[in-house]
Amino acid sequence: MQPPKIRTVIYDERFEYELAYIENHVKRADAFVDGAVTILSRNPEAGCRLDTSNVWFVCGHTVDAALYYTFDEDHVYFLSIERTKLPEL
């Protein structure tokens, strides 16, 4: 059995800009991104697809952030990241 193919993760310029902003406002944003790199580089279909587009997203379960990305056979492209706010219960 072959190990899963590991794709190269590429940060879009917009993603880097947004990440620099939310790192100061979202606790554990860096850990969320590190985890996304680990998972999505091996299984990019682990996220949710936006309708019929080529854009996918993952949300943090314990981190108030959503990451948007796309991928091809060799790369995962992190497009955008935003701060999210969970609804009050």
C-alpha atoms as a PDB file:
ATOM      1  CA  MET A   1       0.000   0.000   0.000  1.00  0.00           C
ATOM      2  CA  GLN A   2       1.417   3.359  -1.054  1.00  0.00           C
ATOM      3  CA  PRO A   3       1.380   6.322   1.314  1.00  0.00           C
ATOM      4  CA  PRO A   4      -0.858   9.207   0.232  1.00  0.00           C
ATOM      5  CA  LYS A   5       0.628  11.701  -2.186  1.00  0.00           C
ATOM      6  CA  ILE A   6       1.654  14.878  -0.402  1.00  0.00           C
ATOM      7  CA  ARG A   7       0.879  18.021  -2.368  1.00  0.00           C
ATOM      8  CA  THR A   8       2.858  21.235  -2.020  1.00  0.00           C
ATOM      9  CA  VAL A   9       0.896  23.963  -0.216  1.00  0.00           C
ATOM     10  CA  ILE A  10       1.208  27.430  -1.708  1.00  0.00           C
ATOM     11  CA  TYR A  11       0.050  30.557   0.116  1.00  0.00           C
ATOM     12  CA  ASP A  12      -1.572  33.150  -2.138  1.00  0.00           C
ATOM     13  CA  GLU A  13      -0.496  36.741  -1.449  1.00  0.00           C
ATOM     14  CA  ARG A  14      -4.016  37.591  -0.259  1.00  0.00           C
ATOM     15  CA  PHE A  15      -3.946  34.625   2.136  1.00  0.00           C
ATOM     16  CA  GLU A  16      -0.647  35.783   3.629  1.00  0.00           C
ATOM     17  CA  TYR A  17      -1.990  39.305   4.100  1.00  0.00           C
ATOM     18  CA  GLU A  18      -5.194  38.092   5.776  1.00  0.00           C
ATOM     19  CA  LEU A  19      -3.319  35.598   7.948  1.00  0.00           C
ATOM     20  CA  ALA A  20      -1.004  38.328   9.233  1.00  0.00           C
ATOM     21  CA  TYR A  21      -4.082  40.285  10.303  1.00  0.00           C
ATOM     22  CA  ILE A  22      -6.040  37.491  11.983  1.00  0.00           C
ATOM     23  CA  GLU A  23      -3.037  36.063  13.824  1.00  0.00           C
ATOM     24  CA  ASN A  24      -3.351  39.112  16.093  1.00  0.00           C
ATOM     25  CA  HIS A  25      -7.101  38.611  16.581  1.00  0.00           C
ATOM     26  CA  VAL A  26      -7.724  34.853  16.562  1.00  0.00           C
ATOM     27  CA  LYS A  27      -6.196  32.595  19.172  1.00  0.00           C
ATOM     28  CA  ARG A  28      -4.407  29.570  17.727  1.00  0.00           C
ATOM     29  CA  ALA A  29      -4.758  30.750  14.112  1.00  0.00           C
ATOM     30  CA  ASP A  30      -1.219  29.543  13.409  1.00  0.00           C
ATOM     31  CA  ALA A  31      -2.012  26.074  14.786  1.00  0.00           C
ATOM     32  CA  PHE A  32      -5.182  25.978  12.663  1.00  0.00           C
ATOM     33  CA  VAL A  33      -3.176  26.757   9.514  1.00  0.00           C
ATOM     34  CA  ASP A  34      -0.480  24.218  10.428  1.00  0.00           C
ATOM     35  CA  GLY A  35      -3.145  21.559  10.886  1.00  0.00           C
ATOM     36  CA  ALA A  36      -4.789  22.515   7.589  1.00  0.00           C
ATOM     37  CA  VAL A  37      -1.447  22.150   5.803  1.00  0.00           C
ATOM     38  CA  THR A  38      -0.939  18.689   7.283  1.00  0.00           C
ATOM     39  CA  ILE A  39      -4.422  17.430   6.423  1.00  0.00           C
ATOM     40  CA  LEU A  40      -5.101  19.164   3.119  1.00  0.00           C
ATOM     41  CA  SER A  41      -1.690  18.399   1.606  1.00  0.00           C
ATOM     42  CA  ARG A  42      -2.587  14.719   1.962  1.00  0.00           C
ATOM     43  CA  ASN A  43      -6.350  14.859   1.432  1.00  0.00           C
ATOM     44  CA  PRO A  44      -7.583  18.120  -0.103  1.00  0.00           C
ATOM     45  CA  GLU A  45     -11.116  16.765  -0.404  1.00  0.00           C
ATOM     46  CA  ALA A  46     -11.348  16.757   3.405  1.00  0.00           C
ATOM     47  CA  GLY A  47     -12.950  20.208   3.261  1.00  0.00           C
ATOM     48  CA  CYS A  48     -16.307  21.286   1.872  1.00  0.00           C
ATOM     49  CA  ARG A  49     -16.729  22.339  -1.735  1.00  0.00           C
ATOM     50  CA  LEU A  50     -18.494  25.614  -2.481  1.00  0.00           C
ATOM     51  CA  ASP A  51     -21.314  24.553  -4.806  1.00  0.00           C
ATOM     52  CA  THR A  52     -19.876  23.556  -8.183  1.00  0.00           C
ATOM     53  CA  SER A  53     -16.812  25.834  -8.016  1.00  0.00           C
ATOM     54  CA  ASN A  54     -13.219  24.721  -7.588  1.00  0.00           C
ATOM     55  CA  VAL A  55     -13.027  26.493  -4.229  1.00  0.00           C
ATOM     56  CA  TRP A  56     -13.199  24.491  -1.010  1.00  0.00           C
ATOM     57  CA  PHE A  57     -13.164  25.574   2.636  1.00  0.00           C
ATOM     58  CA  VAL A  58     -12.475  24.291   6.125  1.00  0.00           C
ATOM     59  CA  CYS A  59     -13.629  25.876   9.364  1.00  0.00           C
ATOM     60  CA  GLY A  60     -11.992  25.639  12.724  1.00  0.00           C
ATOM     61  CA  HIS A  61     -13.887  23.689  15.358  1.00  0.00           C
ATOM     62  CA  THR A  62     -12.133  25.419  18.224  1.00  0.00           C
ATOM     63  CA  VAL A  63     -10.670  28.332  16.250  1.00  0.00           C
ATOM     64  CA  ASP A  64     -12.746  31.210  14.902  1.00  0.00           C
ATOM     65  CA  ALA A  65     -11.429  31.002  11.339  1.00  0.00           C
ATOM     66  CA  ALA A  66     -12.358  29.709   7.891  1.00  0.00           C
ATOM     67  CA  LEU A  67      -9.783  28.872   5.243  1.00  0.00           C
ATOM     68  CA  TYR A  68     -10.568  28.863   1.505  1.00  0.00           C
ATOM     69  CA  TYR A  69      -8.460  26.889  -0.948  1.00  0.00           C
ATOM     70  CA  THR A  70      -8.292  25.114  -4.271  1.00  0.00           C
ATOM     71  CA  PHE A  71      -6.075  22.289  -5.475  1.00  0.00           C
ATOM     72  CA  ASP A  72      -4.768  20.340  -8.411  1.00  0.00           C
ATOM     73  CA  GLU A  73      -2.813  17.107  -8.752  1.00  0.00           C
ATOM     74  CA  ASP A  74       0.387  18.557  -7.292  1.00  0.00           C
ATOM     75  CA  HIS A  75      -0.556  21.621  -5.211  1.00  0.00           C
ATOM     76  CA  VAL A  76      -2.992  23.014  -2.678  1.00  0.00           C
ATOM     77  CA  TYR A  77      -3.442  26.782  -2.979  1.00  0.00           C
ATOM     78  CA  PHE A  78      -4.519  28.610   0.175  1.00  0.00           C
ATOM     79  CA  LEU A  79      -6.543  31.506  -1.230  1.00  0.00           C
ATOM     80  CA  SER A  80      -8.048  33.299   1.748  1.00  0.00           C
ATOM     81  CA  ILE A  81      -8.590  33.072   5.483  1.00  0.00           C
ATOM     82  CA  GLU A  82     -11.107  34.998   7.535  1.00  0.00           C
ATOM     83  CA  ARG A  83     -12.144  35.393  11.093  1.00  0.00           C
ATOM     84  CA  THR A  84     -15.497  33.845  11.861  1.00  0.00           C
ATOM     85  CA  LYS A  85     -17.793  34.265  14.806  1.00  0.00           C
ATOM     86  CA  LEU A  86     -19.891  31.434  16.066  1.00  0.00           C
ATOM     87  CA  PRO A  87     -23.513  32.220  16.861  1.00  0.00           C
ATOM     88  CA  GLU A  88     -24.361  32.759  20.503  1.00  0.00           C
ATOM     89  CA  LEU A  89     -26.159  29.818  22.096  1.00  0.00           C
END
